[in-house]
Structures are given as structure tokens and as C-alpha cells.
PDB file of N, CA and C in Angstrom:
ATOM      1  N   MET A   1      18.458-131.401 229.412  1.00  0.00           N
ATOM      2  CA  MET A   1      17.526-132.375 229.887  1.00  0.00           C
ATOM      3  C   MET A   1      16.392-131.716 230.650  1.00  0.00           C
ATOM      4  N   ARG A   2      16.662-130.619 231.287  1.00  0.00           N
ATOM      5  CA  ARG A   2      15.594-129.954 232.034  1.00  0.00           C
ATOM      6  C   ARG A   2      14.585-129.306 231.108  1.00  0.00           C
ATOM      7  N   THR A   3      15.029-128.863 229.936  1.00  0.00           N
ATOM      8  CA  THR A   3      14.092-128.219 229.029  1.00  0.00           C
ATOM      9  C   THR A   3      13.398-129.212 228.115  1.00  0.00           C
ATOM     10  N   HIS A   4      13.998-130.386 227.893  1.00  0.00           N
ATOM     11  CA  HIS A   4      13.402-131.408 227.033  1.00  0.00           C
ATOM     12  C   HIS A   4      13.525-132.785 227.678  1.00  0.00           C
ATOM     13  N   PRO A   5      12.887-133.003 228.833  1.00  0.00           N
ATOM     14  CA  PRO A   5      13.021-134.305 229.487  1.00  0.00           C
ATOM     15  C   PRO A   5      12.441-135.420 228.621  1.00  0.00           C
ATOM     16  N   ASN A   6      13.053-136.586 228.704  1.00  0.00           N
ATOM     17  CA  ASN A   6      12.615-137.782 227.976  1.00  0.00           C
ATOM     18  C   ASN A   6      12.688-137.629 226.471  1.00  0.00           C
ATOM     19  N   SER A   7      13.512-136.719 225.969  1.00  0.00           N
ATOM     20  CA  SER A   7      13.666-136.546 224.524  1.00  0.00           C
ATOM     21  C   SER A   7      14.695-137.529 223.993  1.00  0.00           C
ATOM     22  N   THR A   8      14.442-138.044 222.803  1.00  0.00           N
ATOM     23  CA  THR A   8      15.378-138.926 222.125  1.00  0.00           C
ATOM     24  C   THR A   8      15.581-138.401 220.720  1.00  0.00           C
ATOM     25  N   PHE A   9      16.827-138.204 220.341  1.00  0.00           N
ATOM     26  CA  PHE A   9      17.170-137.780 218.987  1.00  0.00           C
ATOM     27  C   PHE A   9      18.030-138.865 218.372  1.00  0.00           C
ATOM     28  N   ILE A  10      17.607-139.382 217.245  1.00  0.00           N
ATOM     29  CA  ILE A  10      18.363-140.419 216.561  1.00  0.00           C
ATOM     30  C   ILE A  10      18.781-139.866 215.211  1.00  0.00           C
ATOM     31  N   ILE A  11      20.082-139.892 214.948  1.00  0.00           N
ATOM     32  CA  ILE A  11      20.611-139.417 213.676  1.00  0.00           C
ATOM     33  C   ILE A  11      20.999-140.642 212.860  1.00  0.00           C
ATOM     34  N   LEU A  12      20.439-140.757 211.688  1.00  0.00           N
ATOM     35  CA  LEU A  12      20.723-141.907 210.846  1.00  0.00           C
ATOM     36  C   LEU A  12      22.016-141.714 210.078  1.00  0.00           C
ATOM     37  N   ALA A  13      22.804-142.774 209.990  1.00  0.00           N
ATOM     38  CA  ALA A  13      24.049-142.747 209.227  1.00  0.00           C
ATOM     39  C   ALA A  13      23.862-143.562 207.949  1.00  0.00           C
ATOM     40  N   ASP A  14      24.739-143.358 206.991  1.00  0.00           N
ATOM     41  CA  ASP A  14      24.682-144.138 205.771  1.00  0.00           C
ATOM     42  C   ASP A  14      24.854-145.618 206.094  1.00  0.00           C
ATOM     43  N   GLU A  15      24.153-146.464 205.332  1.00  0.00           N
ATOM     44  CA  GLU A  15      24.295-147.890 205.529  1.00  0.00           C
ATOM     45  C   GLU A  15      25.737-148.310 205.288  1.00  0.00           C
ATOM     46  N   GLY A  16      26.248-149.177 206.115  1.00  0.00           N
ATOM     47  CA  GLY A  16      27.601-149.682 205.932  1.00  0.00           C
ATOM     48  C   GLY A  16      28.690-148.791 206.485  1.00  0.00           C
ATOM     49  N   VAL A  17      28.326-147.708 207.159  1.00  0.00           N
ATOM     50  CA  VAL A  17      29.333-146.775 207.677  1.00  0.00           C
ATOM     51  C   VAL A  17      30.249-147.446 208.697  1.00  0.00           C
ATOM     52  N   PHE A  18      29.762-148.481 209.383  1.00  0.00           N
ATOM     53  CA  PHE A  18      30.563-149.150 210.400  1.00  0.00           C
ATOM     54  C   PHE A  18      31.246-150.421 209.893  1.00  0.00           C
ATOM     55  N   GLN A  19      31.124-150.728 208.605  1.00  0.00           N
ATOM     56  CA  GLN A  19      31.707-151.961 208.080  1.00  0.00           C
ATOM     57  C   GLN A  19      33.222-151.998 208.197  1.00  0.00           C
ATOM     58  N   SER A  20      33.867-150.848 208.151  1.00  0.00           N
ATOM     59  CA  SER A  20      35.331-150.831 208.249  1.00  0.00           C
ATOM     60  C   SER A  20      35.814-150.806 209.698  1.00  0.00           C
ATOM     61  N   CYS A  21      34.892-150.709 210.652  1.00  0.00           N
ATOM     62  CA  CYS A  21      35.274-150.717 212.058  1.00  0.00           C
ATOM     63  C   CYS A  21      35.448-152.149 212.556  1.00  0.00           C
ATOM     64  N   ARG A  22      36.325-152.300 213.529  1.00  0.00           N
ATOM     65  CA  ARG A  22      36.499-153.602 214.156  1.00  0.00           C
ATOM     66  C   ARG A  22      35.310-153.890 215.055  1.00  0.00           C
ATOM     67  N   ASN A  23      35.118-155.146 215.379  1.00  0.00           N
ATOM     68  CA  ASN A  23      33.992-155.543 216.230  1.00  0.00           C
ATOM     69  C   ASN A  23      34.341-155.405 217.708  1.00  0.00           C
ATOM     70  N   LEU A  24      34.937-154.281 218.060  1.00  0.00           N
ATOM     71  CA  LEU A  24      35.301-153.959 219.435  1.00  0.00           C
ATOM     72  C   LEU A  24      34.691-152.609 219.783  1.00  0.00           C
ATOM     73  N   VAL A  25      33.927-152.570 220.862  1.00  0.00           N
ATOM     74  CA  VAL A  25      33.278-151.333 221.294  1.00  0.00           C
ATOM     75  C   VAL A  25      33.612-151.093 222.755  1.00  0.00           C
ATOM     76  N   SER A  26      34.073-149.890 223.055  1.00  0.00           N
ATOM     77  CA  SER A  26      34.364-149.488 224.429  1.00  0.00           C
ATOM     78  C   SER A  26      33.193-148.651 224.933  1.00  0.00           C
ATOM     79  N   LEU A  27      32.699-148.989 226.112  1.00  0.00           N
ATOM     80  CA  LEU A  27      31.555-148.302 226.712  1.00  0.00           C
ATOM     81  C   LEU A  27      32.001-147.595 227.988  1.00  0.00           C
ATOM     82  N   ASP A  28      31.494-146.384 228.199  1.00  0.00           N
ATOM     83  CA  ASP A  28      31.844-145.665 229.417  1.00  0.00           C
ATOM     84  C   ASP A  28      30.761-144.647 229.743  1.00  0.00           C
ATOM     85  N   GLY A  29      30.711-144.258 230.983  1.00  0.00           N
ATOM     86  CA  GLY A  29      29.808-143.211 231.440  1.00  0.00           C
ATOM     87  C   GLY A  29      30.574-142.246 232.318  1.00  0.00           C
ATOM     88  N   CYS A  30      30.230-140.967 232.253  1.00  0.00           N
ATOM     89  CA  CYS A  30      30.912-139.988 233.104  1.00  0.00           C
ATOM     90  C   CYS A  30      29.928-138.899 233.527  1.00  0.00           C
ATOM     91  N   PHE A  31      30.251-138.267 234.644  1.00  0.00           N
ATOM     92  CA  PHE A  31      29.426-137.179 235.165  1.00  0.00           C
ATOM     93  C   PHE A  31      29.561-135.939 234.302  1.00  0.00           C
ATOM     94  N   LEU A  32      28.460-135.219 234.143  1.00  0.00           N
ATOM     95  CA  LEU A  32      28.471-133.898 233.519  1.00  0.00           C
ATOM     96  C   LEU A  32      28.263-132.899 234.647  1.00  0.00           C
ATOM     97  N   LYS A  33      29.257-132.092 234.922  1.00  0.00           N
ATOM     98  CA  LYS A  33      29.204-131.187 236.069  1.00  0.00           C
ATOM     99  C   LYS A  33      28.820-129.767 235.694  1.00  0.00           C
ATOM    100  N   GLY A  34      28.275-129.567 234.511  1.00  0.00           N
ATOM    101  CA  GLY A  34      27.898-128.236 234.064  1.00  0.00           C
ATOM    102  C   GLY A  34      26.558-127.806 234.636  1.00  0.00           C
ATOM    103  N   THR A  35      25.938-126.877 233.985  1.00  0.00           N
ATOM    104  CA  THR A  35      24.670-126.300 234.426  1.00  0.00           C
ATOM    105  C   THR A  35      23.564-127.339 234.564  1.00  0.00           C
ATOM    106  N   TYR A  36      23.503-128.275 233.612  1.00  0.00           N
ATOM    107  CA  TYR A  36      22.383-129.210 233.577  1.00  0.00           C
ATOM    108  C   TYR A  36      22.670-130.548 234.238  1.00  0.00           C
ATOM    109  N   GLY A  37      23.924-130.901 234.412  1.00  0.00           N
ATOM    110  CA  GLY A  37      24.271-132.155 235.068  1.00  0.00           C
ATOM    111  C   GLY A  37      23.895-133.370 234.244  1.00  0.00           C
ATOM    112  N   GLY A  38      23.808-134.503 234.903  1.00  0.00           N
ATOM    113  CA  GLY A  38      23.461-135.750 234.240  1.00  0.00           C
ATOM    114  C   GLY A  38      24.683-136.614 234.028  1.00  0.00           C
ATOM    115  N   GLN A  39      24.521-137.591 233.153  1.00  0.00           N
ATOM    116  CA  GLN A  39      25.588-138.534 232.828  1.00  0.00           C
ATOM    117  C   GLN A  39      25.723-138.621 231.313  1.00  0.00           C
ATOM    118  N   LEU A  40      26.938-138.760 230.849  1.00  0.00           N
ATOM    119  CA  LEU A  40      27.215-138.955 229.434  1.00  0.00           C
ATOM    120  C   LEU A  40      27.593-140.416 229.228  1.00  0.00           C
ATOM    121  N   LEU A  41      26.806-141.142 228.428  1.00  0.00           N
ATOM    122  CA  LEU A  41      27.119-142.521 228.071  1.00  0.00           C
ATOM    123  C   LEU A  41      27.736-142.508 226.682  1.00  0.00           C
ATOM    124  N   THR A  42      28.836-143.232 226.494  1.00  0.00           N
ATOM    125  CA  THR A  42      29.520-143.218 225.203  1.00  0.00           C
ATOM    126  C   THR A  42      29.836-144.631 224.732  1.00  0.00           C
ATOM    127  N   ALA A  43      29.917-144.763 223.408  1.00  0.00           N
ATOM    128  CA  ALA A  43      30.377-145.994 222.759  1.00  0.00           C
ATOM    129  C   ALA A  43      31.370-145.572 221.690  1.00  0.00           C
ATOM    130  N   VAL A  44      32.584-146.107 221.773  1.00  0.00           N
ATOM    131  CA  VAL A  44      33.619-145.800 220.783  1.00  0.00           C
ATOM    132  C   VAL A  44      34.188-147.103 220.239  1.00  0.00           C
ATOM    133  N   GLY A  45      34.603-147.036 218.978  1.00  0.00           N
ATOM    134  CA  GLY A  45      35.178-148.201 218.323  1.00  0.00           C
ATOM    135  C   GLY A  45      36.533-147.883 217.740  1.00  0.00           C
ATOM    136  N   ILE A  46      37.078-148.841 217.025  1.00  0.00           N
ATOM    137  CA  ILE A  46      38.365-148.698 216.345  1.00  0.00           C
ATOM    138  C   ILE A  46      38.108-148.902 214.859  1.00  0.00           C
ATOM    139  N   ASP A  47      38.541-147.942 214.029  1.00  0.00           N
ATOM    140  CA  ASP A  47      38.318-148.074 212.587  1.00  0.00           C
ATOM    141  C   ASP A  47      39.461-148.861 211.938  1.00  0.00           C
ATOM    142  N   ALA A  48      39.411-148.983 210.617  1.00  0.00           N
ATOM    143  CA  ALA A  48      40.403-149.772 209.873  1.00  0.00           C
ATOM    144  C   ALA A  48      41.813-149.203 209.976  1.00  0.00           C
ATOM    145  N   ASN A  49      41.953-147.934 210.330  1.00  0.00           N
ATOM    146  CA  ASN A  49      43.269-147.298 210.484  1.00  0.00           C
ATOM    147  C   ASN A  49      43.748-147.292 211.927  1.00  0.00           C
ATOM    148  N   ASP A  50      43.111-148.085 212.786  1.00  0.00           N
ATOM    149  CA  ASP A  50      43.434-148.156 214.221  1.00  0.00           C
ATOM    150  C   ASP A  50      43.227-146.827 214.939  1.00  0.00           C
ATOM    151  N   CYS A  51      42.291-146.031 214.467  1.00  0.00           N
ATOM    152  CA  CYS A  51      41.950-144.764 215.112  1.00  0.00           C
ATOM    153  C   CYS A  51      40.648-144.916 215.889  1.00  0.00           C
ATOM    154  N   ILE A  52      40.518-144.139 216.958  1.00  0.00           N
ATOM    155  CA  ILE A  52      39.291-144.159 217.751  1.00  0.00           C
ATOM    156  C   ILE A  52      38.163-143.540 216.929  1.00  0.00           C
ATOM    157  N   TYR A  53      37.021-144.206 216.919  1.00  0.00           N
ATOM    158  CA  TYR A  53      35.883-143.770 216.127  1.00  0.00           C
ATOM    159  C   TYR A  53      34.664-143.643 217.043  1.00  0.00           C
ATOM    160  N   PRO A  54      34.167-142.424 217.271  1.00  0.00           N
ATOM    161  CA  PRO A  54      32.966-142.284 218.119  1.00  0.00           C
ATOM    162  C   PRO A  54      31.756-142.875 217.411  1.00  0.00           C
ATOM    163  N   ILE A  55      31.064-143.761 218.088  1.00  0.00           N
ATOM    164  CA  ILE A  55      29.911-144.430 217.492  1.00  0.00           C
ATOM    165  C   ILE A  55      28.609-143.808 217.966  1.00  0.00           C
ATOM    166  N   ALA A  56      28.472-143.657 219.282  1.00  0.00           N
ATOM    167  CA  ALA A  56      27.215-143.126 219.823  1.00  0.00           C
ATOM    168  C   ALA A  56      27.472-142.498 221.185  1.00  0.00           C
ATOM    169  N   TRP A  57      26.595-141.577 221.556  1.00  0.00           N
ATOM    170  CA  TRP A  57      26.628-140.991 222.891  1.00  0.00           C
ATOM    171  C   TRP A  57      25.216-140.598 223.275  1.00  0.00           C
ATOM    172  N   ALA A  58      24.993-140.516 224.575  1.00  0.00           N
ATOM    173  CA  ALA A  58      23.678-140.118 225.085  1.00  0.00           C
ATOM    174  C   ALA A  58      23.865-139.393 226.413  1.00  0.00           C
ATOM    175  N   VAL A  59      23.026-138.430 226.659  1.00  0.00           N
ATOM    176  CA  VAL A  59      22.983-137.743 227.947  1.00  0.00           C
ATOM    177  C   VAL A  59      21.741-138.246 228.677  1.00  0.00           C
ATOM    178  N   VAL A  60      21.947-138.795 229.870  1.00  0.00           N
ATOM    179  CA  VAL A  60      20.853-139.346 230.668  1.00  0.00           C
ATOM    180  C   VAL A  60      20.887-138.711 232.053  1.00  0.00           C
ATOM    181  N   ASN A  61      19.791-138.863 232.786  1.00  0.00           N
ATOM    182  CA  ASN A  61      19.726-138.250 234.114  1.00  0.00           C
ATOM    183  C   ASN A  61      20.640-138.937 235.129  1.00  0.00           C
ATOM    184  N   LYS A  62      20.843-140.261 234.983  1.00  0.00           N
ATOM    185  CA  LYS A  62      21.758-140.974 235.870  1.00  0.00           C
ATOM    186  C   LYS A  62      22.204-142.264 235.189  1.00  0.00           C
ATOM    187  N   GLU A  63      23.330-142.780 235.639  1.00  0.00           N
ATOM    188  CA  GLU A  63      23.875-144.024 235.096  1.00  0.00           C
ATOM    189  C   GLU A  63      23.266-145.177 235.870  1.00  0.00           C
ATOM    190  N   ASN A  64      22.357-145.896 235.232  1.00  0.00           N
ATOM    191  CA  ASN A  64      21.719-147.042 235.870  1.00  0.00           C
ATOM    192  C   ASN A  64      21.428-148.116 234.823  1.00  0.00           C
ATOM    193  N   LYS A  65      20.911-149.237 235.266  1.00  0.00           N
ATOM    194  CA  LYS A  65      20.651-150.370 234.373  1.00  0.00           C
ATOM    195  C   LYS A  65      19.646-150.001 233.286  1.00  0.00           C
ATOM    196  N   GLU A  66      18.606-149.283 233.644  1.00  0.00           N
ATOM    197  CA  GLU A  66      17.570-148.898 232.684  1.00  0.00           C
ATOM    198  C   GLU A  66      18.149-148.035 231.552  1.00  0.00           C
ATOM    199  N   ASN A  67      18.946-147.034 231.898  1.00  0.00           N
ATOM    200  CA  ASN A  67      19.530-146.159 230.876  1.00  0.00           C
ATOM    201  C   ASN A  67      20.563-146.878 230.024  1.00  0.00           C
ATOM    202  N   TRP A  68      21.371-147.768 230.626  1.00  0.00           N
ATOM    203  CA  TRP A  68      22.341-148.533 229.841  1.00  0.00           C
ATOM    204  C   TRP A  68      21.629-149.510 228.907  1.00  0.00           C
ATOM    205  N   THR A  69      20.551-150.127 229.371  1.00  0.00           N
ATOM    206  CA  THR A  69      19.786-151.046 228.520  1.00  0.00           C
ATOM    207  C   THR A  69      19.231-150.301 227.317  1.00  0.00           C
ATOM    208  N   TRP A  70      18.644-149.142 227.545  1.00  0.00           N
ATOM    209  CA  TRP A  70      18.105-148.321 226.447  1.00  0.00           C
ATOM    210  C   TRP A  70      19.210-147.957 225.468  1.00  0.00           C
ATOM    211  N   PHE A  71      20.358-147.497 225.979  1.00  0.00           N
ATOM    212  CA  PHE A  71      21.480-147.091 225.142  1.00  0.00           C
ATOM    213  C   PHE A  71      22.008-148.270 224.317  1.00  0.00           C
ATOM    214  N   LEU A  72      22.178-149.418 224.959  1.00  0.00           N
ATOM    215  CA  LEU A  72      22.726-150.586 224.263  1.00  0.00           C
ATOM    216  C   LEU A  72      21.750-151.163 223.232  1.00  0.00           C
ATOM    217  N   GLN A  73      20.452-151.065 223.495  1.00  0.00           N
ATOM    218  CA  GLN A  73      19.477-151.523 222.501  1.00  0.00           C
ATOM    219  C   GLN A  73      19.544-150.662 221.247  1.00  0.00           C
ATOM    220  N   LEU A  74      19.631-149.349 221.404  1.00  0.00           N
ATOM    221  CA  LEU A  74      19.772-148.468 220.243  1.00  0.00           C
ATOM    222  C   LEU A  74      21.103-148.697 219.538  1.00  0.00           C
ATOM    223  N   LEU A  75      22.161-148.934 220.301  1.00  0.00           N
ATOM    224  CA  LEU A  75      23.473-149.198 219.718  1.00  0.00           C
ATOM    225  C   LEU A  75      23.442-150.478 218.882  1.00  0.00           C
ATOM    226  N   ALA A  76      22.818-151.520 219.393  1.00  0.00           N
ATOM    227  CA  ALA A  76      22.721-152.784 218.655  1.00  0.00           C
ATOM    228  C   ALA A  76      21.958-152.593 217.351  1.00  0.00           C
ATOM    229  N   GLN A  77      20.901-151.791 217.379  1.00  0.00           N
ATOM    230  CA  GLN A  77      20.152-151.492 216.153  1.00  0.00           C
ATOM    231  C   GLN A  77      21.020-150.727 215.166  1.00  0.00           C
ATOM    232  N   ASP A  78      21.731-149.723 215.651  1.00  0.00           N
ATOM    233  CA  ASP A  78      22.569-148.893 214.778  1.00  0.00           C
ATOM    234  C   ASP A  78      23.679-149.696 214.118  1.00  0.00           C
ATOM    235  N   LEU A  79      24.285-150.603 214.872  1.00  0.00           N
ATOM    236  CA  LEU A  79      25.398-151.387 214.342  1.00  0.00           C
ATOM    237  C   LEU A  79      24.928-152.633 213.601  1.00  0.00           C
ATOM    238  N   GLY A  80      23.639-152.914 213.659  1.00  0.00           N
ATOM    239  CA  GLY A  80      23.116-154.104 212.989  1.00  0.00           C
ATOM    240  C   GLY A  80      23.603-155.386 213.648  1.00  0.00           C
ATOM    241  N   ILE A  81      23.724-155.364 214.969  1.00  0.00           N
ATOM    242  CA  ILE A  81      24.222-156.533 215.692  1.00  0.00           C
ATOM    243  C   ILE A  81      23.109-157.559 215.799  1.00  0.00           C
ATOM    244  N   VAL A  82      23.325-158.695 215.156  1.00  0.00           N
ATOM    245  CA  VAL A  82      22.377-159.804 215.231  1.00  0.00           C
ATOM    246  C   VAL A  82      22.922-160.865 216.188  1.00  0.00           C
ATOM    247  N   ASP A  83      24.212-161.160 216.057  1.00  0.00           N
ATOM    248  CA  ASP A  83      24.879-162.142 216.899  1.00  0.00           C
ATOM    249  C   ASP A  83      25.920-161.433 217.758  1.00  0.00           C
ATOM    250  N   SER A  84      25.593-161.204 219.022  1.00  0.00           N
ATOM    251  CA  SER A  84      26.494-160.441 219.889  1.00  0.00           C
ATOM    252  C   SER A  84      27.783-161.207 220.214  1.00  0.00           C
ATOM    253  N   HIS A  85      27.818-162.498 219.938  1.00  0.00           N
ATOM    254  CA  HIS A  85      29.033-163.283 220.186  1.00  0.00           C
ATOM    255  C   HIS A  85      30.168-162.908 219.236  1.00  0.00           C
ATOM    256  N   LYS A  86      29.855-162.198 218.171  1.00  0.00           N
ATOM    257  CA  LYS A  86      30.877-161.768 217.215  1.00  0.00           C
ATOM    258  C   LYS A  86      31.458-160.402 217.584  1.00  0.00           C
ATOM    259  N   TRP A  87      31.007-159.851 218.690  1.00  0.00           N
ATOM    260  CA  TRP A  87      31.436-158.520 219.120  1.00  0.00           C
ATOM    261  C   TRP A  87      32.096-158.602 220.492  1.00  0.00           C
ATOM    262  N   ALA A  88      33.035-157.703 220.737  1.00  0.00           N
ATOM    263  CA  ALA A  88      33.653-157.582 222.057  1.00  0.00           C
ATOM    264  C   ALA A  88      33.303-156.203 222.611  1.00  0.00           C
ATOM    265  N   PHE A  89      32.783-156.179 223.827  1.00  0.00           N
ATOM    266  CA  PHE A  89      32.428-154.931 224.495  1.00  0.00           C
ATOM    267  C   PHE A  89      33.329-154.777 225.709  1.00  0.00           C
ATOM    268  N   MET A  90      33.940-153.611 225.829  1.00  0.00           N
ATOM    269  CA  MET A  90      34.884-153.341 226.909  1.00  0.00           C
ATOM    270  C   MET A  90      34.331-152.203 227.766  1.00  0.00           C
ATOM    271  N   THR A  91      34.368-152.399 229.076  1.00  0.00           N
ATOM    272  CA  THR A  91      33.880-151.380 229.996  1.00  0.00           C
ATOM    273  C   THR A  91      34.732-151.394 231.255  1.00  0.00           C
ATOM    274  N   ASP A  92      34.690-150.304 232.000  1.00  0.00           N
ATOM    275  CA  ASP A  92      35.441-150.273 233.259  1.00  0.00           C
ATOM    276  C   ASP A  92      34.658-150.932 234.392  1.00  0.00           C
ATOM    277  N   ARG A  93      33.419-151.272 234.150  1.00  0.00           N
ATOM    278  CA  ARG A  93      32.550-151.994 235.083  1.00  0.00           C
ATOM    279  C   ARG A  93      32.470-151.358 236.461  1.00  0.00           C
ATOM    280  N   GLN A  94      32.383-150.056 236.518  1.00  0.00           N
ATOM    281  CA  GLN A  94      32.180-149.378 237.794  1.00  0.00           C
ATOM    282  C   GLN A  94      30.766-149.652 238.276  1.00  0.00           C
ATOM    283  N   LYS A  95      30.590-149.734 239.554  1.00  0.00           N
ATOM    284  CA  LYS A  95      29.262-149.969 240.106  1.00  0.00           C
ATOM    285  C   LYS A  95      28.400-148.745 239.872  1.00  0.00           C
ATOM    286  N   SER A  96      27.155-148.991 239.477  1.00  0.00           N
ATOM    287  CA  SER A  96      26.198-147.891 239.326  1.00  0.00           C
ATOM    288  C   SER A  96      24.905-148.296 240.005  1.00  0.00           C
ATOM    289  N   GLN A  97      24.048-147.351 240.207  1.00  0.00           N
ATOM    290  CA  GLN A  97      22.782-147.607 240.901  1.00  0.00           C
ATOM    291  C   GLN A  97      21.759-148.163 239.955  1.00  0.00           C
TER     292      GLN A  97
END
């Protein structure tokens, strides 16, 4: 992040790659304590074989409402979420700044 601040890399997946996944997404953020620091935001799902399936991740400078909003907007686009009532999102709901 220090060498490429405000960079966004989006990798496109084949259409329909998430069709076999359940409509359950777990969201979490954790500290990165290495050289560069920051926060890792993740979204994981469950595939048709009941296995954990990594959907998306992002490294941000801090865990806050702005970064989660950005992450979730990209996630909704990637998953093709039109009606969020058909999806379940699970989080530990820790307080963030």
C-alpha cells in the first residue's frame, strides 16, 4: 500500500462461477502486522460441496465504514446481487472506526 496507494486491482472471473455457491457470505477483517500493515477484508462463501470458497479480499489502510462500503459495492457487482434479501451476510460485527 505504501508503494501503490489508492490502487485497485479487479480480476474478472468467468460468468456463472458463483452459481454453485450458496447465498451465504461471511465477512471479516483482520490486522496485517507485517512490514506494510493495514487491514485485510475478506468475503468467503460455501460451495455446492459444503466447502469454504474464497470470494474476494482487499487490503485497506484501516477497517472503517468507507472501506467496507467500497468492498461490499464491488462484491455485490461481482456476485451480481440485485436483490440483497435473497442473500445472508454473516459478520462478527466488531466495532470499527
